[in-house]
Protein backbone atom coordinates (compact mmCIF):
# COMPACT_ATOMS: atom_id res chain seq x y z
CA MET A 1 -0.11 -0.18 -0.11
CA THR A 2 3.25 2.37 -0.32
CA GLY A 3 2.25 5.77 -1.42
CA GLU A 4 -1.76 4.70 -0.78
CA THR A 5 -4.10 7.25 0.66
CA PHE A 6 -5.25 5.37 4.42
CA LEU A 7 -6.21 7.34 6.90
CA TYR A 8 -7.69 11.06 6.79
CA GLY A 9 -5.09 11.66 4.08
CA TYR A 10 -1.76 10.37 5.36
CA SER A 11 -0.08 7.15 3.50
CA GLU A 12 0.22 4.01 6.03
CA ALA A 13 4.10 4.30 6.27
CA GLU A 14 2.84 8.02 7.65
CA VAL A 15 -0.07 6.41 9.89
CA ASP A 16 2.64 3.60 11.16
CA LEU A 17 5.59 6.07 12.15
CA VAL A 18 3.30 8.06 14.23
CA MET A 19 1.91 5.09 15.93
CA ARG A 20 5.27 3.49 16.68
CA PHE A 21 6.84 6.61 18.05
CA LEU A 22 3.29 7.04 20.35
CA SER A 23 3.83 3.95 21.58
CA SER A 24 7.84 3.57 21.61
CA SER A 25 8.90 3.31 25.24
CA GLN A 26 11.61 5.16 24.60
CA GLU A 27 12.63 8.27 23.99
CA VAL A 28 12.44 9.23 20.57
CA MET A 29 12.85 12.92 19.13
CA VAL A 30 10.57 13.60 16.48
CA PHE A 31 10.06 16.50 13.68
CA LEU A 32 6.58 16.73 12.72
CA ASP A 33 5.90 18.45 9.59
CA GLU A 34 2.93 20.86 9.61
CA GLN A 35 2.22 20.11 6.20
CA TYR A 36 0.99 16.79 6.87
CA PHE A 37 -0.51 17.56 10.48
CA ASN A 38 -2.60 20.55 11.91
CA LYS A 39 -2.23 22.42 14.70
CA GLY A 40 -4.26 20.08 17.14
CA GLU A 41 -3.15 16.82 16.02
CA LEU A 42 0.47 18.05 16.83
CA LEU A 43 -0.61 19.23 20.40
CA ARG A 44 -2.74 15.56 20.47
CA ILE A 45 0.66 13.93 19.22
CA LYS A 46 2.78 16.01 21.86
CA ARG A 47 0.49 15.65 24.42
CA VAL A 48 -0.08 11.43 24.41
CA ALA A 49 3.66 11.42 24.04
CA ASP A 50 4.33 13.40 27.23
CA GLY A 51 1.88 11.09 29.04
CA PHE A 52 -0.55 13.29 29.51
CA SER A 53 -4.09 13.15 29.40
CA GLN A 54 -6.63 15.09 27.95
CA ALA A 55 -7.80 16.25 31.44
CA GLU A 56 -4.48 16.72 33.13
CA MET A 57 -3.63 19.39 29.42
CA ALA A 58 -6.62 20.91 29.91
CA LYS A 59 -6.12 21.77 32.99
CA MET A 60 -2.43 23.03 32.43
CA LEU A 61 -3.38 24.94 29.72
CA LYS A 62 -6.56 26.42 31.00
CA LEU A 63 -9.71 25.09 29.15
CA ASN A 64 -11.92 22.60 29.58
CA THR A 65 -11.81 19.51 28.11
CA GLY A 66 -14.26 19.58 25.29
CA THR A 67 -12.11 22.61 23.98
CA LEU A 68 -9.02 20.75 23.78
CA SER A 69 -10.36 17.36 22.21
CA ALA A 70 -12.62 20.24 19.88
CA VAL A 71 -9.01 21.72 18.87
CA GLU A 72 -7.01 18.41 18.49
CA ASN A 73 -9.84 16.91 15.84
CA GLY A 74 -9.39 20.49 14.19
CA LEU A 75 -13.33 21.10 14.89
CA ARG A 76 -12.06 24.85 16.65
CA PRO A 77 -9.25 26.77 16.21
CA ILE A 78 -6.38 27.15 19.21
CA PRO A 79 -7.49 29.79 21.72
CA ARG A 80 -5.36 32.92 21.82
CA ARG A 81 -5.51 32.74 25.46
């Protein structure tokens, strides 16, 4: 399936790379390109990689969990505050 659209416009290889990164027990530095991921997706990837729940991250950002969920799913822009 190399090069084929797999999930939300991402190739199977791109999805596999992110899934392996998120499930890795090793500390890994990955540079994620905004041309492939929107800011909400990047926020989710970083949150999960750092081991924070959505509730923990929302509290740190002073947002409610519904707002953070909407941002991560691309349904709402990241609040300026």
